[in-house]
Full PDB file with SEQRES, HELIX, SHEET, SSBOND, CRYST1, ORIGX, SCALE, CONECT and MASTER records, all heavy atoms in Angstrom:
SEQRES   1 A   36  ASN PRO ASP LYS ALA GLN HIS ARG VAL ARG ALA LEU ALA          
SEQRES   2 A   36  LEU ALA ALA SER LYS ALA THR TYR MET ALA VAL PRO LYS          
SEQRES   3 A   36  LEU ALA LEU ASP GLN PRO PHE TYR LEU LEU                      
HELIX    1 AA1 LYS A    4  GLN A    6  5                                   3    
HELIX    2 AA2 HIS A    7  ALA A   15  1                                   9    
HELIX    3 AA3 PRO A   25  LEU A   27  5                                   3    
SHEET    1 AA1 2 TYR A  21  ALA A  23  0                                        
SHEET    2 AA1 2 PHE A  33  LEU A  35 -1                                        
CRYST1    1.000    1.000    1.000  90.00  90.00  90.00 P 1           1          
ORIGX1      1.000000  0.000000  0.000000        0.00000                         
ORIGX2      0.000000  1.000000  0.000000        0.00000                         
ORIGX3      0.000000  0.000000  1.000000        0.00000                         
SCALE1      1.000000  0.000000  0.000000        0.00000                         
SCALE2      0.000000  1.000000  0.000000        0.00000                         
SCALE3      0.000000  0.000000  1.000000        0.00000                         
ATOM      1  N   ASN A   1      27.658 118.749  20.530  1.00  0.00           N  
ATOM      2  CA  ASN A   1      27.853 119.917  21.386  1.00  0.00           C  
ATOM      3  C   ASN A   1      26.651 120.852  21.314  1.00  0.00           C  
ATOM      4  O   ASN A   1      25.908 120.861  20.330  1.00  0.00           O  
ATOM      5  CB  ASN A   1      29.128 120.666  20.984  1.00  0.00           C  
ATOM      6  CG  ASN A   1      29.088 121.151  19.557  1.00  0.00           C  
ATOM      7  OD1 ASN A   1      28.974 120.350  18.632  1.00  0.00           O  
ATOM      8  ND2 ASN A   1      29.172 122.457  19.357  1.00  0.00           N  
ATOM      9  N   PRO A   2      26.423 121.668  22.344  1.00  0.00           N  
ATOM     10  CA  PRO A   2      25.212 122.489  22.407  1.00  0.00           C  
ATOM     11  C   PRO A   2      25.279 123.827  21.677  1.00  0.00           C  
ATOM     12  O   PRO A   2      24.319 124.593  21.735  1.00  0.00           O  
ATOM     13  CB  PRO A   2      25.044 122.720  23.918  1.00  0.00           C  
ATOM     14  CG  PRO A   2      26.424 122.671  24.460  1.00  0.00           C  
ATOM     15  CD  PRO A   2      27.161 121.656  23.622  1.00  0.00           C  
ATOM     16  N   ASP A   3      26.360 124.111  20.970  1.00  0.00           N  
ATOM     17  CA  ASP A   3      26.508 125.421  20.352  1.00  0.00           C  
ATOM     18  C   ASP A   3      25.561 125.591  19.164  1.00  0.00           C  
ATOM     19  O   ASP A   3      25.164 124.630  18.502  1.00  0.00           O  
ATOM     20  CB  ASP A   3      27.961 125.614  19.904  1.00  0.00           C  
ATOM     21  CG  ASP A   3      28.903 125.569  21.091  1.00  0.00           C  
ATOM     22  OD1 ASP A   3      29.052 126.592  21.772  1.00  0.00           O  
ATOM     23  OD2 ASP A   3      29.463 124.483  21.351  1.00  0.00           O  
ATOM     24  N   LYS A   4      25.220 126.847  18.894  1.00  0.00           N  
ATOM     25  CA  LYS A   4      24.258 127.162  17.836  1.00  0.00           C  
ATOM     26  C   LYS A   4      24.751 126.700  16.474  1.00  0.00           C  
ATOM     27  O   LYS A   4      23.947 126.314  15.611  1.00  0.00           O  
ATOM     28  CB  LYS A   4      23.982 128.663  17.824  1.00  0.00           C  
ATOM     29  CG  LYS A   4      22.828 129.072  16.926  1.00  0.00           C  
ATOM     30  CD  LYS A   4      22.517 130.550  17.081  1.00  0.00           C  
ATOM     31  CE  LYS A   4      21.349 130.971  16.197  1.00  0.00           C  
ATOM     32  NZ  LYS A   4      21.065 132.427  16.341  1.00  0.00           N  
ATOM     33  N   ALA A   5      26.064 126.710  16.252  1.00  0.00           N  
ATOM     34  CA  ALA A   5      26.607 126.289  14.961  1.00  0.00           C  
ATOM     35  C   ALA A   5      26.278 124.835  14.642  1.00  0.00           C  
ATOM     36  O   ALA A   5      26.222 124.449  13.465  1.00  0.00           O  
ATOM     37  CB  ALA A   5      28.122 126.485  14.937  1.00  0.00           C  
ATOM     38  N   GLN A   6      26.058 124.009  15.658  1.00  0.00           N  
ATOM     39  CA  GLN A   6      25.749 122.595  15.447  1.00  0.00           C  
ATOM     40  C   GLN A   6      24.268 122.282  15.696  1.00  0.00           C  
ATOM     41  O   GLN A   6      23.895 121.119  15.846  1.00  0.00           O  
ATOM     42  CB  GLN A   6      26.636 121.718  16.336  1.00  0.00           C  
ATOM     43  CG  GLN A   6      28.045 121.545  15.790  1.00  0.00           C  
ATOM     44  CD  GLN A   6      28.884 122.804  15.875  1.00  0.00           C  
ATOM     45  OE1 GLN A   6      28.858 123.523  16.876  1.00  0.00           O  
ATOM     46  NE2 GLN A   6      29.634 123.108  14.823  1.00  0.00           N  
ATOM     47  N   HIS A   7      23.430 123.310  15.712  1.00  0.00           N  
ATOM     48  CA  HIS A   7      21.989 123.094  15.894  1.00  0.00           C  
ATOM     49  C   HIS A   7      21.438 122.148  14.831  1.00  0.00           C  
ATOM     50  O   HIS A   7      20.681 121.210  15.126  1.00  0.00           O  
ATOM     51  CB  HIS A   7      21.246 124.428  15.844  1.00  0.00           C  
ATOM     52  CG  HIS A   7      19.756 124.272  15.711  1.00  0.00           C  
ATOM     53  ND1 HIS A   7      19.108 124.346  14.504  1.00  0.00           N  
ATOM     54  CD2 HIS A   7      18.802 124.014  16.638  1.00  0.00           C  
ATOM     55  CE1 HIS A   7      17.813 124.149  14.682  1.00  0.00           C  
ATOM     56  NE2 HIS A   7      17.602 123.951  15.974  1.00  0.00           N  
ATOM     57  N   ARG A   8      21.822 122.378  13.574  1.00  0.00           N  
ATOM     58  CA  ARG A   8      21.275 121.543  12.496  1.00  0.00           C  
ATOM     59  C   ARG A   8      21.785 120.109  12.586  1.00  0.00           C  
ATOM     60  O   ARG A   8      21.064 119.172  12.213  1.00  0.00           O  
ATOM     61  CB  ARG A   8      21.636 122.162  11.147  1.00  0.00           C  
ATOM     62  CG  ARG A   8      20.861 121.570   9.982  1.00  0.00           C  
ATOM     63  CD  ARG A   8      19.388 121.882  10.095  1.00  0.00           C  
ATOM     64  NE  ARG A   8      18.607 121.143   9.113  1.00  0.00           N  
ATOM     65  CZ  ARG A   8      17.371 120.729   9.326  1.00  0.00           C  
ATOM     66  NH1 ARG A   8      16.762 120.961  10.482  1.00  0.00           N  
ATOM     67  NH2 ARG A   8      16.710 120.076   8.385  1.00  0.00           N  
ATOM     68  N   VAL A   9      22.982 119.906  13.093  1.00  0.00           N  
ATOM     69  CA  VAL A   9      23.486 118.540  13.296  1.00  0.00           C  
ATOM     70  C   VAL A   9      22.583 117.813  14.283  1.00  0.00           C  
ATOM     71  O   VAL A   9      22.186 116.658  14.058  1.00  0.00           O  
ATOM     72  CB  VAL A   9      24.936 118.553  13.805  1.00  0.00           C  
ATOM     73  CG1 VAL A   9      25.416 117.128  14.096  1.00  0.00           C  
ATOM     74  CG2 VAL A   9      25.860 119.223  12.787  1.00  0.00           C  
ATOM     75  N   ARG A  10      22.246 118.470  15.381  1.00  0.00           N  
ATOM     76  CA  ARG A  10      21.368 117.850  16.382  1.00  0.00           C  
ATOM     77  C   ARG A  10      20.000 117.541  15.788  1.00  0.00           C  
ATOM     78  O   ARG A  10      19.426 116.459  16.010  1.00  0.00           O  
ATOM     79  CB  ARG A  10      21.233 118.756  17.610  1.00  0.00           C  
ATOM     80  CG  ARG A  10      22.548 119.023  18.321  1.00  0.00           C  
ATOM     81  CD  ARG A  10      22.343 119.731  19.649  1.00  0.00           C  
ATOM     82  NE  ARG A  10      21.784 121.070  19.529  1.00  0.00           N  
ATOM     83  CZ  ARG A  10      22.487 122.176  19.360  1.00  0.00           C  
ATOM     84  NH1 ARG A  10      23.814 122.115  19.246  1.00  0.00           N  
ATOM     85  NH2 ARG A  10      21.893 123.364  19.288  1.00  0.00           N  
ATOM     86  N   ALA A  11      19.457 118.486  15.013  1.00  0.00           N  
ATOM     87  CA  ALA A  11      18.141 118.277  14.414  1.00  0.00           C  
ATOM     88  C   ALA A  11      18.142 117.105  13.447  1.00  0.00           C  
ATOM     89  O   ALA A  11      17.200 116.288  13.429  1.00  0.00           O  
ATOM     90  CB  ALA A  11      17.689 119.556  13.703  1.00  0.00           C  
ATOM     91  N   LEU A  12      19.181 116.986  12.631  1.00  0.00           N  
ATOM     92  CA  LEU A  12      19.258 115.887  11.678  1.00  0.00           C  
ATOM     93  C   LEU A  12      19.424 114.542  12.393  1.00  0.00           C  
ATOM     94  O   LEU A  12      18.875 113.529  11.943  1.00  0.00           O  
ATOM     95  CB  LEU A  12      20.407 116.117  10.700  1.00  0.00           C  
ATOM     96  CG  LEU A  12      20.204 117.247   9.672  1.00  0.00           C  
ATOM     97  CD1 LEU A  12      21.475 117.457   8.861  1.00  0.00           C  
ATOM     98  CD2 LEU A  12      19.029 116.938   8.753  1.00  0.00           C  
ATOM     99  N   ALA A  13      20.167 114.544  13.491  1.00  0.00           N  
ATOM    100  CA  ALA A  13      20.316 113.299  14.254  1.00  0.00           C  
ATOM    101  C   ALA A  13      18.973 112.855  14.830  1.00  0.00           C  
ATOM    102  O   ALA A  13      18.625 111.663  14.792  1.00  0.00           O  
ATOM    103  CB  ALA A  13      21.338 113.490  15.368  1.00  0.00           C  
ATOM    104  N   LEU A  14      18.201 113.799  15.350  1.00  0.00           N  
ATOM    105  CA  LEU A  14      16.882 113.467  15.872  1.00  0.00           C  
ATOM    106  C   LEU A  14      15.957 112.994  14.755  1.00  0.00           C  
ATOM    107  O   LEU A  14      15.208 112.020  14.920  1.00  0.00           O  
ATOM    108  CB  LEU A  14      16.284 114.681  16.576  1.00  0.00           C  
ATOM    109  CG  LEU A  14      16.924 115.038  17.917  1.00  0.00           C  
ATOM    110  CD1 LEU A  14      16.475 116.423  18.370  1.00  0.00           C  
ATOM    111  CD2 LEU A  14      16.577 114.004  18.975  1.00  0.00           C  
ATOM    112  N   ALA A  15      15.982 113.665  13.621  1.00  0.00           N  
ATOM    113  CA  ALA A  15      15.134 113.278  12.494  1.00  0.00           C  
ATOM    114  C   ALA A  15      15.484 111.883  11.978  1.00  0.00           C  
ATOM    115  O   ALA A  15      14.612 111.181  11.447  1.00  0.00           O  
ATOM    116  CB  ALA A  15      15.255 114.300  11.367  1.00  0.00           C  
ATOM    117  N   ALA A  16      16.748 111.482  12.161  1.00  0.00           N  
ATOM    118  CA  ALA A  16      17.187 110.156  11.720  1.00  0.00           C  
ATOM    119  C   ALA A  16      17.011 109.095  12.812  1.00  0.00           C  
ATOM    120  O   ALA A  16      17.489 107.965  12.656  1.00  0.00           O  
ATOM    121  CB  ALA A  16      18.652 110.217  11.302  1.00  0.00           C  
ATOM    122  N   SER A  17      16.337 109.464  13.906  1.00  0.00           N  
ATOM    123  CA  SER A  17      16.039 108.540  15.014  1.00  0.00           C  
ATOM    124  C   SER A  17      17.288 108.009  15.703  1.00  0.00           C  
ATOM    125  O   SER A  17      17.296 106.894  16.236  1.00  0.00           O  
ATOM    126  CB  SER A  17      15.166 107.364  14.533  1.00  0.00           C  
ATOM    127  OG  SER A  17      13.941 107.846  14.027  1.00  0.00           O  
ATOM    128  N   LYS A  18      18.347 108.811  15.720  1.00  0.00           N  
ATOM    129  CA  LYS A  18      19.532 108.448  16.495  1.00  0.00           C  
ATOM    130  C   LYS A  18      19.317 108.883  17.946  1.00  0.00           C  
ATOM    131  O   LYS A  18      18.724 109.947  18.202  1.00  0.00           O  
ATOM    132  CB  LYS A  18      20.772 109.153  15.933  1.00  0.00           C  
ATOM    133  CG  LYS A  18      21.071 108.828  14.485  1.00  0.00           C  
ATOM    134  CD  LYS A  18      22.340 109.523  14.014  1.00  0.00           C  
ATOM    135  CE  LYS A  18      22.514 109.397  12.504  1.00  0.00           C  
ATOM    136  NZ  LYS A  18      22.646 107.991  12.052  1.00  0.00           N  
ATOM    137  N   ALA A  19      19.778 108.093  18.884  1.00  0.00           N  
ATOM    138  CA  ALA A  19      19.813 108.558  20.271  1.00  0.00           C  
ATOM    139  C   ALA A  19      20.754 109.753  20.309  1.00  0.00           C  
ATOM    140  O   ALA A  19      21.924 109.643  19.951  1.00  0.00           O  
ATOM    141  CB  ALA A  19      20.311 107.456  21.191  1.00  0.00           C  
ATOM    142  N   THR A  20      20.228 110.911  20.721  1.00  0.00           N  
ATOM    143  CA  THR A  20      20.970 112.166  20.588  1.00  0.00           C  
ATOM    144  C   THR A  20      21.130 112.822  21.948  1.00  0.00           C  
ATOM    145  O   THR A  20      20.143 113.190  22.592  1.00  0.00           O  
ATOM    146  CB  THR A  20      20.247 113.126  19.619  1.00  0.00           C  
ATOM    147  OG1 THR A  20      20.021 112.445  18.373  1.00  0.00           O  
ATOM    148  CG2 THR A  20      21.074 114.374  19.361  1.00  0.00           C  
ATOM    149  N   TYR A  21      22.371 112.963  22.369  1.00  0.00           N  
ATOM    150  CA  TYR A  21      22.687 113.534  23.681  1.00  0.00           C  
ATOM    151  C   TYR A  21      23.371 114.881  23.512  1.00  0.00           C  
ATOM    152  O   TYR A  21      24.108 115.115  22.553  1.00  0.00           O  
ATOM    153  CB  TYR A  21      23.631 112.596  24.452  1.00  0.00           C  
ATOM    154  CG  TYR A  21      23.105 111.198  24.637  1.00  0.00           C  
ATOM    155  CD1 TYR A  21      23.499 110.168  23.783  1.00  0.00           C  
ATOM    156  CD2 TYR A  21      22.223 110.901  25.664  1.00  0.00           C  
ATOM    157  CE1 TYR A  21      23.027 108.882  23.945  1.00  0.00           C  
ATOM    158  CE2 TYR A  21      21.738 109.606  25.838  1.00  0.00           C  
ATOM    159  CZ  TYR A  21      22.142 108.596  24.978  1.00  0.00           C  
ATOM    160  OH  TYR A  21      21.674 107.324  25.148  1.00  0.00           O  
ATOM    161  N   MET A  22      23.139 115.757  24.477  1.00  0.00           N  
ATOM    162  CA  MET A  22      23.783 117.071  24.509  1.00  0.00           C  
ATOM    163  C   MET A  22      24.136 117.363  25.958  1.00  0.00           C  
ATOM    164  O   MET A  22      23.337 117.086  26.866  1.00  0.00           O  
ATOM    165  CB  MET A  22      22.824 118.126  23.955  1.00  0.00           C  
ATOM    166  CG  MET A  22      23.396 119.522  23.870  1.00  0.00           C  
ATOM    167  SD  MET A  22      22.219 120.676  23.070  1.00  0.00           S  
ATOM    168  CE  MET A  22      21.183 121.114  24.482  1.00  0.00           C  
ATOM    169  N   ALA A  23      25.304 117.914  26.191  1.00  0.00           N  
ATOM    170  CA  ALA A  23      25.747 118.161  27.560  1.00  0.00           C  
ATOM    171  C   ALA A  23      24.990 119.324  28.186  1.00  0.00           C  
ATOM    172  O   ALA A  23      24.668 120.316  27.538  1.00  0.00           O  
ATOM    173  CB  ALA A  23      27.241 118.458  27.589  1.00  0.00           C  
ATOM    174  N   VAL A  24      24.720 119.186  29.475  1.00  0.00           N  
ATOM    175  CA  VAL A  24      24.225 120.300  30.281  1.00  0.00           C  
ATOM    176  C   VAL A  24      25.332 121.360  30.338  1.00  0.00           C  
ATOM    177  O   VAL A  24      26.515 121.018  30.436  1.00  0.00           O  
ATOM    178  CB  VAL A  24      23.884 119.800  31.701  1.00  0.00           C  
ATOM    179  CG1 VAL A  24      23.598 120.950  32.660  1.00  0.00           C  
ATOM    180  CG2 VAL A  24      22.711 118.825  31.643  1.00  0.00           C  
ATOM    181  N   PRO A  25      24.999 122.656  30.254  1.00  0.00           N  
ATOM    182  CA  PRO A  25      26.051 123.675  30.346  1.00  0.00           C  
ATOM    183  C   PRO A  25      26.951 123.474  31.563  1.00  0.00           C  
ATOM    184  O   PRO A  25      26.472 123.294  32.687  1.00  0.00           O  
ATOM    185  CB  PRO A  25      25.254 124.985  30.455  1.00  0.00           C  
ATOM    186  CG  PRO A  25      23.983 124.698  29.727  1.00  0.00           C  
ATOM    187  CD  PRO A  25      23.661 123.252  30.041  1.00  0.00           C  
ATOM    188  N   LYS A  26      28.250 123.442  31.311  1.00  0.00           N  
ATOM    189  CA  LYS A  26      29.276 123.248  32.331  1.00  0.00           C  
ATOM    190  C   LYS A  26      29.125 121.932  33.097  1.00  0.00           C  
ATOM    191  O   LYS A  26      29.732 121.747  34.153  1.00  0.00           O  
ATOM    192  CB  LYS A  26      29.292 124.424  33.320  1.00  0.00           C  
ATOM    193  CG  LYS A  26      29.637 125.751  32.673  1.00  0.00           C  
ATOM    194  CD  LYS A  26      29.732 126.869  33.701  1.00  0.00           C  
ATOM    195  CE  LYS A  26      30.132 128.171  33.049  1.00  0.00           C  
ATOM    196  NZ  LYS A  26      30.256 129.280  34.028  1.00  0.00           N  
ATOM    197  N   LEU A  27      28.326 120.985  32.550  1.00  0.00           N  
ATOM    198  CA  LEU A  27      28.135 119.669  33.191  1.00  0.00           C  
ATOM    199  C   LEU A  27      27.725 119.821  34.651  1.00  0.00           C  
ATOM    200  O   LEU A  27      28.103 119.029  35.509  1.00  0.00           O  
ATOM    201  CB  LEU A  27      29.424 118.838  33.086  1.00  0.00           C  
ATOM    202  CG  LEU A  27      29.936 118.596  31.674  1.00  0.00           C  
ATOM    203  CD1 LEU A  27      31.366 118.050  31.705  1.00  0.00           C  
ATOM    204  CD2 LEU A  27      29.031 117.618  30.931  1.00  0.00           C  
ATOM    205  N   ALA A  28      26.885 120.832  34.921  1.00  0.00           N  
ATOM    206  CA  ALA A  28      26.692 121.304  36.288  1.00  0.00           C  
ATOM    207  C   ALA A  28      25.627 120.555  37.081  1.00  0.00           C  
ATOM    208  O   ALA A  28      25.285 120.975  38.186  1.00  0.00           O  
ATOM    209  CB  ALA A  28      26.344 122.795  36.260  1.00  0.00           C  
ATOM    210  N   LEU A  29      25.091 119.430  36.557  1.00  0.00           N  
ATOM    211  CA  LEU A  29      24.079 118.667  37.280  1.00  0.00           C  
ATOM    212  C   LEU A  29      24.568 117.237  37.504  1.00  0.00           C  
ATOM    213  O   LEU A  29      25.453 116.745  36.805  1.00  0.00           O  
ATOM    214  CB  LEU A  29      22.760 118.646  36.494  1.00  0.00           C  
ATOM    215  CG  LEU A  29      22.110 120.019  36.231  1.00  0.00           C  
ATOM    216  CD1 LEU A  29      20.877 119.839  35.361  1.00  0.00           C  
ATOM    217  CD2 LEU A  29      21.759 120.714  37.537  1.00  0.00           C  
ATOM    218  N   ASP A  30      23.956 116.551  38.478  1.00  0.00           N  
ATOM    219  CA  ASP A  30      24.328 115.161  38.745  1.00  0.00           C  
ATOM    220  C   ASP A  30      24.059 114.272  37.533  1.00  0.00           C  
ATOM    221  O   ASP A  30      24.760 113.281  37.320  1.00  0.00           O  
ATOM    222  CB  ASP A  30      23.559 114.634  39.956  1.00  0.00           C  
ATOM    223  CG  ASP A  30      24.047 115.244  41.260  1.00  0.00           C  
ATOM    224  OD1 ASP A  30      25.231 115.614  41.342  1.00  0.00           O  
ATOM    225  OD2 ASP A  30      23.242 115.353  42.198  1.00  0.00           O  
ATOM    226  N   GLN A  31      23.019 114.584  36.777  1.00  0.00           N  
ATOM    227  CA  GLN A  31      22.731 113.907  35.512  1.00  0.00           C  
ATOM    228  C   GLN A  31      23.091 114.920  34.417  1.00  0.00           C  
ATOM    229  O   GLN A  31      22.279 115.769  34.045  1.00  0.00           O  
ATOM    230  CB  GLN A  31      21.252 113.521  35.440  1.00  0.00           C  
ATOM    231  CG  GLN A  31      20.754 112.695  36.614  1.00  0.00           C  
ATOM    232  CD  GLN A  31      21.398 111.322  36.651  1.00  0.00           C  
ATOM    233  OE1 GLN A  31      21.414 110.605  35.653  1.00  0.00           O  
ATOM    234  NE2 GLN A  31      21.923 110.946  37.809  1.00  0.00           N  
ATOM    235  N   PRO A  32      24.319 114.870  33.880  1.00  0.00           N  
ATOM    236  CA  PRO A  32      24.835 116.013  33.124  1.00  0.00           C  
ATOM    237  C   PRO A  32      24.595 116.001  31.616  1.00  0.00           C  
ATOM    238  O   PRO A  32      25.230 116.767  30.889  1.00  0.00           O  
ATOM    239  CB  PRO A  32      26.333 115.954  33.421  1.00  0.00           C  
ATOM    240  CG  PRO A  32      26.612 114.493  33.563  1.00  0.00           C  
ATOM    241  CD  PRO A  32      25.375 113.898  34.178  1.00  0.00           C  
ATOM    242  N   PHE A  33      23.677 115.148  31.135  1.00  0.00           N  
ATOM    243  CA  PHE A  33      23.399 115.114  29.702  1.00  0.00           C  
ATOM    244  C   PHE A  33      21.902 115.139  29.449  1.00  0.00           C  
ATOM    245  O   PHE A  33      21.122 114.549  30.192  1.00  0.00           O  
ATOM    246  CB  PHE A  33      24.022 113.874  29.043  1.00  0.00           C  
ATOM    247  CG  PHE A  33      25.520 113.862  29.097  1.00  0.00           C  
ATOM    248  CD1 PHE A  33      26.175 113.208  30.123  1.00  0.00           C  
ATOM    249  CD2 PHE A  33      26.268 114.526  28.136  1.00  0.00           C  
ATOM    250  CE1 PHE A  33      27.564 113.220  30.196  1.00  0.00           C  
ATOM    251  CE2 PHE A  33      27.647 114.539  28.203  1.00  0.00           C  
ATOM    252  CZ  PHE A  33      28.303 113.888  29.239  1.00  0.00           C  
ATOM    253  N   TYR A  34      21.515 115.856  28.392  1.00  0.00           N  
ATOM    254  CA  TYR A  34      20.135 115.842  27.928  1.00  0.00           C  
ATOM    255  C   TYR A  34      19.965 114.725  26.904  1.00  0.00           C  
ATOM    256  O   TYR A  34      20.797 114.580  25.999  1.00  0.00           O  
ATOM    257  CB  TYR A  34      19.781 117.157  27.237  1.00  0.00           C  
ATOM    258  CG  TYR A  34      19.882 118.395  28.081  1.00  0.00           C  
ATOM    259  CD1 TYR A  34      20.828 119.388  27.784  1.00  0.00           C  
ATOM    260  CD2 TYR A  34      19.028 118.605  29.161  1.00  0.00           C  
ATOM    261  CE1 TYR A  34      20.908 120.547  28.530  1.00  0.00           C  
ATOM    262  CE2 TYR A  34      19.107 119.768  29.920  1.00  0.00           C  
ATOM    263  CZ  TYR A  34      20.053 120.735  29.604  1.00  0.00           C  
ATOM    264  OH  TYR A  34      20.152 121.874  30.349  1.00  0.00           O  
ATOM    265  N   LEU A  35      18.889 113.945  27.032  1.00  0.00           N  
ATOM    266  CA  LEU A  35      18.491 113.020  25.980  1.00  0.00           C  
ATOM    267  C   LEU A  35      17.430 113.742  25.150  1.00  0.00           C  
ATOM    268  O   LEU A  35      16.261 113.823  25.536  1.00  0.00           O  
ATOM    269  CB  LEU A  35      17.927 111.723  26.557  1.00  0.00           C  
ATOM    270  CG  LEU A  35      17.404 110.717  25.524  1.00  0.00           C  
ATOM    271  CD1 LEU A  35      18.501 110.288  24.559  1.00  0.00           C  
ATOM    272  CD2 LEU A  35      16.789 109.504  26.226  1.00  0.00           C  
ATOM    273  N   LEU A  36      17.851 114.309  24.030  1.00  0.00           N  
ATOM    274  CA  LEU A  36      16.962 115.182  23.259  1.00  0.00           C  
ATOM    275  C   LEU A  36      15.776 114.438  22.669  1.00  0.00           C  
ATOM    276  O   LEU A  36      14.719 115.037  22.420  1.00  0.00           O  
ATOM    277  CB  LEU A  36      17.755 115.884  22.162  1.00  0.00           C  
ATOM    278  CG  LEU A  36      18.884 116.814  22.637  1.00  0.00           C  
ATOM    279  CD1 LEU A  36      19.553 117.473  21.430  1.00  0.00           C  
ATOM    280  CD2 LEU A  36      18.376 117.862  23.608  1.00  0.00           C  
TER     281      LEU A  36                                                      
MASTER        0    0    0    3    2    0    0    6  280    1    0    3          
END                                                                             
């Protein structure tokens, strides 16, 4: 999830070379996920 409380979770996933996705706010785009 994109909330600040889980910022470190996202960072650790990226550092561990996991494919890491985060939703676009309100899923408001045709491609609604970021590939970090």
